[in-house]
Protein backbone atom coordinates (compact mmCIF):
# COMPACT_ATOMS: atom_id res chain seq x y z
CA MET A 1 -74.97 -52.00 101.14
CA SER A 2 -75.90 -53.66 104.43
CA THR A 3 -79.44 -54.32 105.55
CA SER A 4 -78.97 -52.21 108.63
CA ASN A 5 -78.22 -49.24 106.46
CA ILE A 6 -81.21 -49.96 104.29
CA THR A 7 -83.44 -50.15 107.28
CA ARG A 8 -81.98 -46.93 108.51
CA ILE A 9 -82.54 -45.22 105.21
CA GLY A 10 -85.99 -46.60 105.08
CA LYS A 11 -86.64 -45.35 108.53
CA LYS A 12 -85.24 -41.97 107.61
CA ALA A 13 -87.26 -41.88 104.47
CA SER A 14 -90.37 -42.84 106.27
CA SER A 15 -89.62 -40.41 108.98
CA THR A 16 -88.88 -37.69 106.44
CA SER A 17 -91.90 -38.50 104.41
CA SER A 18 -93.95 -38.50 107.45
CA SER A 19 -92.38 -35.33 108.63
CA ALA A 20 -92.63 -33.78 105.16
CA SER A 21 -96.15 -34.63 104.94
CA SER A 22 -96.51 -33.40 108.37
CA SER A 23 -94.90 -29.92 107.84
CA PRO A 24 -93.67 -27.65 104.99
CA SER A 25 -90.43 -26.77 106.81
CA ASN A 26 -89.25 -30.30 106.48
CA GLN A 27 -89.92 -30.16 102.78
CA ARG A 28 -87.75 -27.06 102.44
CA SER A 29 -84.90 -28.74 104.23
CA ILE A 30 -85.10 -31.66 101.87
CA GLU A 31 -84.91 -29.37 98.87
CA SER A 32 -81.92 -27.60 100.33
CA MET A 33 -80.25 -30.93 100.89
CA LEU A 34 -80.87 -31.89 97.28
CA GLN A 35 -79.39 -28.62 96.11
CA MET A 36 -76.40 -29.20 98.35
CA GLU A 37 -75.91 -32.61 96.81
CA LYS A 38 -76.06 -31.09 93.33
CA CYS A 39 -73.54 -28.45 94.38
CA ASN A 40 -71.30 -31.11 95.80
CA ALA A 41 -71.50 -33.09 92.59
CA PHE A 42 -70.70 -29.96 90.58
CA LEU A 43 -67.82 -29.17 92.88
CA LYS A 44 -66.54 -32.69 92.44
CA GLU A 45 -66.66 -32.24 88.68
CA ILE A 46 -64.83 -28.93 89.01
CA LEU A 47 -62.25 -30.57 91.23
CA VAL A 48 -61.79 -33.32 88.67
CA MET A 49 -61.40 -30.74 85.92
CA LEU A 50 -58.98 -28.72 88.02
CA GLN A 51 -57.02 -31.85 88.74
CA MET A 52 -56.89 -32.67 85.04
CA LEU A 53 -55.90 -29.07 84.27
CA GLN A 54 -53.21 -29.23 86.91
CA GLU A 55 -51.89 -32.44 85.45
CA THR A 56 -51.91 -30.87 81.98
CA MET A 57 -50.15 -27.75 83.26
CA THR A 58 -47.62 -29.89 85.07
CA LYS A 59 -47.02 -31.85 81.92
CA ASN A 60 -46.73 -28.68 79.87
CA HIS A 61 -44.47 -27.14 82.47
CA ASN A 62 -42.20 -30.15 82.32
CA GLU A 63 -42.17 -30.00 78.55
CA ILE A 64 -41.45 -26.26 78.67
CA ARG A 65 -38.63 -26.82 81.13
CA LYS A 66 -37.29 -29.52 78.88
CA TYR A 67 -37.56 -27.22 75.85
CA ILE A 68 -35.91 -24.39 77.77
CA GLY A 69 -33.12 -26.76 78.72
CA GLU A 70 -32.68 -27.71 75.08
CA VAL A 71 -32.77 -24.03 74.10
CA ARG A 72 -30.15 -23.26 76.72
CA ASN A 73 -28.00 -26.05 75.39
CA ASN A 74 -28.45 -24.72 71.89
CA MET A 75 -27.66 -21.20 73.09
CA GLY A 76 -24.53 -22.52 74.71
CA GLU A 77 -23.52 -24.18 71.47
CA ILE A 78 -24.33 -20.98 69.58
CA GLU A 79 -22.30 -18.93 72.04
CA GLN A 80 -19.41 -21.35 71.67
CA THR A 81 -19.74 -21.14 67.90
CA MET A 82 -19.85 -17.33 68.13
CA GLN A 83 -16.76 -17.34 70.30
CA ASN A 84 -14.97 -19.55 67.80
CA THR A 85 -16.17 -17.29 64.99
CA ASP A 86 -14.99 -14.20 66.87
CA ALA A 87 -11.62 -15.82 67.40
CA LYS A 88 -11.40 -16.66 63.70
CA LEU A 89 -12.52 -13.13 62.78
CA GLU A 90 -9.92 -11.69 65.11
CA LYS A 91 -7.23 -13.82 63.48
CA PHE A 92 -8.56 -12.83 60.07
CA GLN A 93 -8.55 -9.17 61.12
CA GLN A 94 -4.98 -9.55 62.30
CA ARG A 95 -4.03 -11.04 58.95
CA ILE A 96 -5.83 -8.19 57.18
CA THR A 97 -3.96 -5.68 59.35
CA LYS A 98 -0.65 -7.39 58.57
CA ASN A 99 -1.51 -7.45 54.86
CA GLU A 100 -2.48 -3.79 54.98
CA GLN A 101 0.80 -2.99 56.67
CA ARG A 102 2.65 -4.99 54.03
CA ILE A 103 0.69 -3.26 51.29
CA GLN A 104 1.44 0.11 52.84
CA LYS A 105 5.13 -0.76 53.02
CA GLU A 106 5.05 -1.93 49.41
CA GLU A 107 3.26 1.27 48.40
CA GLU A 108 5.86 3.31 50.23
CA LYS A 109 8.59 1.33 48.50
CA SER A 110 6.86 1.78 45.13
CA GLU A 111 6.50 5.51 45.81
CA GLN A 112 10.18 5.68 46.64
CA VAL A 113 10.99 3.72 43.50
CA GLU A 114 8.72 6.00 41.45
CA LYS A 115 10.34 9.03 43.02
CA LYS A 116 13.77 7.62 42.21
CA MET A 117 12.59 6.84 38.68
CA ASP A 118 11.23 10.37 38.34
CA ASP A 119 14.54 11.73 39.57
CA ILE A 120 16.41 9.47 37.18
CA ASN A 121 14.09 10.45 34.32
CA TYR A 122 14.52 14.11 35.18
CA LYS A 123 18.28 13.70 35.31
CA LEU A 124 18.20 11.78 32.02
CA ILE A 125 16.03 14.47 30.44
CA GLN A 126 18.38 17.15 31.71
CA ALA A 127 21.38 15.14 30.54
CA ASN A 128 19.78 14.56 27.14
CA LYS A 129 18.91 18.24 26.92
CA GLU A 130 22.43 19.22 27.85
CA LEU A 131 23.80 16.72 25.36
CA GLU A 132 21.41 17.99 22.69
CA ASN A 133 22.38 21.57 23.48
CA THR A 134 26.03 20.58 23.26
CA VAL A 135 25.42 18.91 19.90
CA ILE A 136 23.49 21.97 18.73
CA MET A 137 26.31 24.24 19.86
CA LEU A 138 28.84 22.06 18.02
CA GLU A 139 26.67 21.96 14.89
CA THR A 140 26.12 25.70 15.12
CA GLU A 141 29.84 26.28 15.54
CA LYS A 142 30.46 24.08 12.53
CA ALA A 143 27.71 25.82 10.53
CA ALA A 144 29.23 29.20 11.41
CA HIS A 145 31.93 28.49 8.79
CA TYR A 146 29.38 27.84 5.99
CA LEU A 147 27.47 30.09 3.62
CA ARG A 148 24.66 29.10 1.26
CA PHE A 149 24.47 30.60 -2.22
CA GLN A 150 21.22 30.34 -4.16
CA ASN A 151 20.35 31.01 -7.79
CA ILE A 152 23.82 30.16 -9.17
CA GLU A 153 23.13 28.70 -12.59
CA GLU A 154 24.33 25.12 -12.89
CA GLU A 155 26.15 23.99 -16.03
CA LYS A 156 27.42 20.65 -17.15
CA GLY A 157 31.14 20.22 -16.52
CA GLU A 158 31.36 23.47 -14.54
CA ASP A 159 34.39 24.32 -12.41
CA LEU A 160 32.48 25.32 -9.29
CA PRO A 161 35.53 26.19 -7.10
CA GLU A 162 36.86 28.45 -9.85
CA ILE A 163 33.50 30.23 -10.16
CA MET A 164 33.05 30.78 -6.42
CA GLU A 165 36.65 31.86 -5.81
CA GLU A 166 36.38 34.44 -8.57
CA LEU A 167 33.02 35.77 -7.31
CA LEU A 168 34.09 36.01 -3.67
CA ALA A 169 37.53 37.46 -4.44
CA LYS A 170 35.86 40.17 -6.51
CA LEU A 171 33.38 40.85 -3.70
CA LEU A 172 36.09 41.26 -1.05
CA GLY A 173 38.55 42.94 -3.39
CA ILE A 174 41.34 40.47 -2.73
CA ASP A 175 43.54 38.21 -4.82
CA LYS A 176 42.00 35.00 -6.16
CA GLN A 177 44.81 32.87 -4.76
CA LYS A 178 44.31 34.41 -1.32
CA MET A 179 40.59 33.68 -1.57
CA GLU A 180 41.43 30.10 -2.47
CA MET A 181 43.42 29.79 0.76
CA GLU A 182 40.41 30.98 2.79
CA ILE A 183 38.05 28.31 1.38
CA ASP A 184 37.99 24.79 2.77
CA GLU A 185 35.40 23.10 0.52
CA ILE A 186 32.74 23.91 -2.08
CA PHE A 187 29.86 21.67 -3.14
CA ARG A 188 26.31 21.72 -4.45
CA ILE A 189 23.38 20.19 -2.57
CA HIS A 190 19.70 19.51 -3.21
CA THR A 191 17.25 21.45 -1.03
CA THR A 192 13.49 21.38 -0.71
CA TYR A 193 13.28 25.09 -1.47
CA ALA A 194 15.24 24.71 -4.70
CA ARG A 195 13.14 21.75 -5.87
CA ARG A 196 9.89 23.50 -4.97
CA HIS A 197 10.78 26.66 -6.92
CA LYS A 198 12.67 24.85 -9.69
CA LEU A 199 15.94 26.60 -8.91
CA PRO A 200 19.52 25.35 -9.36
CA ARG A 201 21.04 23.36 -6.56
CA GLU A 202 22.41 25.42 -3.71
CA VAL A 203 26.14 25.99 -3.41
CA HIS A 204 27.58 25.50 0.07
CA VAL A 205 30.97 26.99 0.84
CA ARG A 206 32.99 26.23 3.98
CA PHE A 207 35.50 28.89 4.98
CA VAL A 208 38.60 28.35 7.04
CA LYS A 209 37.90 31.37 9.22
CA LYS A 210 34.55 32.53 10.52
CA SER A 211 35.63 36.16 10.11
CA ILE A 212 35.90 35.73 6.33
CA ARG A 213 32.41 34.25 6.25
CA ASP A 214 31.04 37.23 8.20
CA LYS A 215 32.77 39.70 5.89
CA ILE A 216 31.28 38.03 2.81
CA LEU A 217 27.83 37.90 4.39
CA ASN A 218 27.86 41.59 5.37
CA LYS A 219 29.34 42.64 2.05
CA ALA A 220 26.73 40.63 0.11
CA ARG A 221 23.94 42.40 1.98
CA ASP A 222 25.24 45.80 0.94
CA GLU A 223 26.39 44.77 -2.56
CA PRO A 224 24.32 41.78 -3.79
CA LEU A 225 26.30 39.25 -5.81
CA GLN A 226 25.38 38.58 -9.42
CA TYR A 227 26.24 35.72 -11.72
CA LYS A 228 25.30 35.68 -15.41
CA GLY A 229 22.86 38.52 -14.92
CA LYS A 230 21.03 36.90 -12.00
CA GLN A 231 21.13 38.18 -8.45
CA LEU A 232 22.39 35.66 -5.93
CA VAL A 233 21.00 35.08 -2.48
CA VAL A 234 23.50 34.56 0.33
CA LEU A 235 22.26 32.87 3.50
CA LYS A 236 23.69 31.51 6.69
CA HIS A 237 23.78 27.76 7.13
CA ILE A 238 21.50 26.75 10.00
CA PRO A 239 21.59 23.13 11.32
CA ARG A 240 18.45 21.04 11.02
CA ARG A 241 18.10 20.69 14.81
CA VAL A 242 18.10 24.45 15.18
CA ARG A 243 15.59 24.84 12.35
CA ASP A 244 13.28 22.30 13.97
CA LEU A 245 13.46 24.17 17.27
CA ARG A 246 12.84 27.50 15.57
CA LYS A 247 9.76 26.18 13.78
CA GLN A 248 8.06 25.90 17.16
CA TYR A 249 8.49 29.67 17.63
CA HIS A 250 7.04 30.51 14.22
CA PHE A 251 3.71 31.60 15.74
CA LEU A 252 5.56 34.43 17.52
CA THR A 253 8.22 35.35 14.97
CA SER A 254 5.60 35.82 12.24
CA VAL A 255 3.77 38.35 14.42
CA LEU A 256 7.01 40.09 15.35
CA ILE A 257 7.85 40.47 11.67
CA LYS A 258 4.31 41.71 11.02
CA TYR A 259 4.67 44.51 13.58
CA ASN A 260 8.33 45.26 12.70
CA VAL A 261 9.60 44.18 16.11
CA ASN A 262 13.34 43.58 16.35
CA PHE A 263 14.34 40.12 17.51
CA ARG A 264 17.36 37.85 17.39
CA TRP A 265 17.61 34.08 17.54
CA LEU A 266 19.31 32.56 20.57
CA ILE A 267 21.55 29.50 20.56
CA PRO A 268 20.59 26.75 21.17
CA GLU A 269 16.92 27.78 21.55
CA GLY A 270 14.73 30.85 21.88
CA ILE A 271 14.67 34.46 20.74
CA LEU A 272 15.74 37.80 22.18
CA VAL A 273 12.97 40.38 21.60
CA THR A 274 13.28 44.15 21.88
CA TRP A 275 9.82 45.39 22.81
CA GLN A 276 9.06 48.96 23.94
CA GLU A 277 12.73 49.64 24.65
CA LYS A 278 13.00 46.52 26.80
CA LYS A 279 14.71 43.24 26.02
CA TYR A 280 12.92 39.94 26.65
CA ARG A 281 14.88 36.70 26.66
CA LEU A 282 12.40 34.01 25.57
CA ASP A 283 14.50 30.85 25.81
CA SER A 284 11.56 28.42 26.19
CA LEU A 285 8.19 27.82 24.56
CA ASP A 286 6.40 28.65 27.81
CA LYS A 287 7.98 32.09 27.91
CA ALA A 288 7.27 32.62 24.21
CA MET A 289 3.59 31.69 24.62
CA GLU A 290 3.28 33.87 27.71
CA PHE A 291 4.80 36.80 25.82
CA TYR A 292 2.46 36.16 22.88
CA ASP A 293 -0.62 35.98 25.12
CA CYS A 294 0.40 39.13 26.95
CA HIS A 295 1.14 41.34 23.93
CA PHE A 296 -0.47 39.90 20.79
CA ASN A 297 -3.29 37.49 21.64
CA THR A 298 -6.13 40.02 21.30
CA GLU A 299 -9.67 39.63 19.97
CA GLY A 300 -8.91 41.74 16.91
CA GLU A 301 -5.92 39.52 16.11
CA GLN A 302 -8.11 36.42 16.30
CA GLU A 303 -10.84 37.95 14.12
CA THR A 304 -8.44 38.79 11.31
CA ARG A 305 -6.86 35.33 11.18
CA GLY A 306 -9.52 34.02 8.80
CA GLU A 307 -8.86 36.83 6.32
CA THR A 308 -5.10 36.49 6.59
CA GLY A 309 -5.40 32.76 5.90
CA HIS A 310 -7.10 33.48 2.56
CA LYS A 311 -4.44 36.05 1.74
CA GLY A 312 -1.74 33.50 2.47
CA GLN A 313 -3.43 31.02 0.12
CA GLU A 314 -3.62 33.63 -2.65
CA VAL A 315 0.06 34.44 -2.26
CA SER A 316 1.01 30.75 -2.40
CA MET A 317 -1.08 30.31 -5.57
CA MET A 318 0.65 33.28 -7.18
CA GLU A 319 4.02 31.79 -6.30
CA GLU A 320 3.06 28.47 -7.87
CA LYS A 321 1.91 30.21 -11.08
CA HIS A 322 5.01 32.43 -11.33
CA PRO A 323 7.83 30.59 -9.53
CA GLN A 324 10.58 32.53 -11.30
CA GLN A 325 9.23 36.01 -10.54
CA ASP A 326 10.47 38.13 -7.63
CA LYS A 327 12.84 35.46 -6.37
CA SER A 328 15.01 38.05 -4.74
CA GLU A 329 12.07 39.45 -2.76
CA LEU A 330 11.08 35.99 -1.55
CA GLU A 331 14.66 35.27 -0.59
CA LYS A 332 14.86 38.52 1.35
CA LYS A 333 11.76 37.61 3.34
CA GLU A 334 13.02 34.10 4.01
CA ARG A 335 16.45 35.38 5.02
CA ALA A 336 14.90 38.01 7.29
CA GLU A 337 12.87 35.38 9.09
CA ARG A 338 15.73 32.89 9.41
CA GLU A 339 18.38 35.37 10.50
CA GLY A 340 16.18 37.41 12.82
CA THR A 341 16.17 40.67 10.83
CA ILE A 342 13.12 42.72 9.92
CA ALA A 343 11.38 42.24 6.59
CA LYS A 344 10.45 45.36 4.65
CA GLU A 345 6.82 44.28 4.20
CA PRO A 346 4.94 42.91 7.23
CA ARG A 347 3.42 39.46 6.79
CA GLU A 348 0.02 38.50 8.24
CA ILE A 349 -0.25 35.47 10.52
CA SER A 350 -2.05 32.54 8.89
CA ASP A 351 -4.49 29.95 10.21
CA GLU A 352 -1.85 27.21 10.07
CA GLU A 353 0.55 29.25 12.19
CA TYR A 354 -2.17 29.95 14.74
CA LYS A 355 -3.10 26.23 14.84
CA THR A 356 0.57 25.39 15.41
CA TYR A 357 0.65 27.82 18.31
CA ILE A 358 -2.49 26.28 19.85
CA GLN A 359 -1.14 22.71 19.44
CA VAL A 360 2.16 23.62 21.08
CA LYS A 361 0.31 25.33 23.91
CA GLN A 362 -1.93 22.31 24.50
CA CYS A 363 1.06 19.94 24.50
CA LYS A 364 2.78 22.13 27.09
CA LYS A 365 -0.32 22.11 29.30
CA LYS A 366 -0.49 18.29 29.18
């Protein structure tokens, strides 16, 4: 500081001190000046702080702008990545669509193949059924020339053709030599029925003409044959295939016999029933079960099945104890059931027969 300024300040100070001492108004002005200086100093500090704050804000703003720039760059990269991903997803979706179309085509082809296979299977089933029916018809036609004779006592060294020719010639009232010309073959055969009841082996006779067989069968029904004091049983010969098919209808035929309902077996399968002066052609198991449900499947019938089962067991036990008693009656019942005629005594349906009916019905539903 220069001396001139010091002298001036000194003069001012002396003048102010002199003036202050001289008057109170001067003193007030001095105080106001001091306050103004303090305010100026405070304002300077505020300005410094504002300047620092501005610098900080500028710095932060620059950093924020830099960060925003980086974020924008990152967003651009993300958008590019998303675009690439969308493109890949679109390609993948196109592949999926193509695969779905291929799968749909393959499914359509497989459905067509399955349909063709079903058609082929159906045709094969129909062809097999027709073939089986043809075989059954041929076997039935062949069996139409045979008759079965039961209860003919078997002897060692017997002349079976001589015995049968004599019996049949006497039955028809014709010459023995003529009867010999009507017979093609004669032989004995083991059967389950004969073994079960300890009877002699059955005698099977094949006739040249079916008409002769029918005459003998009808004549034997009116005038039963006898040999060595024993009554013979004459039955038709039924092929095994036909017997197996007829077993499936046993649930119905047993009830028809029970209620004395006339029926006749059909070839190759089924039965013809005369019910309430109407004829019903039941040539399939479905029709037979529907007929059974409509006319016989009542609550009372179901309630009595338990009792009839016990009765059937008692009858079978009696047969085992006395196998040689009432053979003719048993044969009549068996022949009535096999040939479709009516038995004299109605037979109750058993539990086993009802179970067979239920099993057949369930198989048909499946």
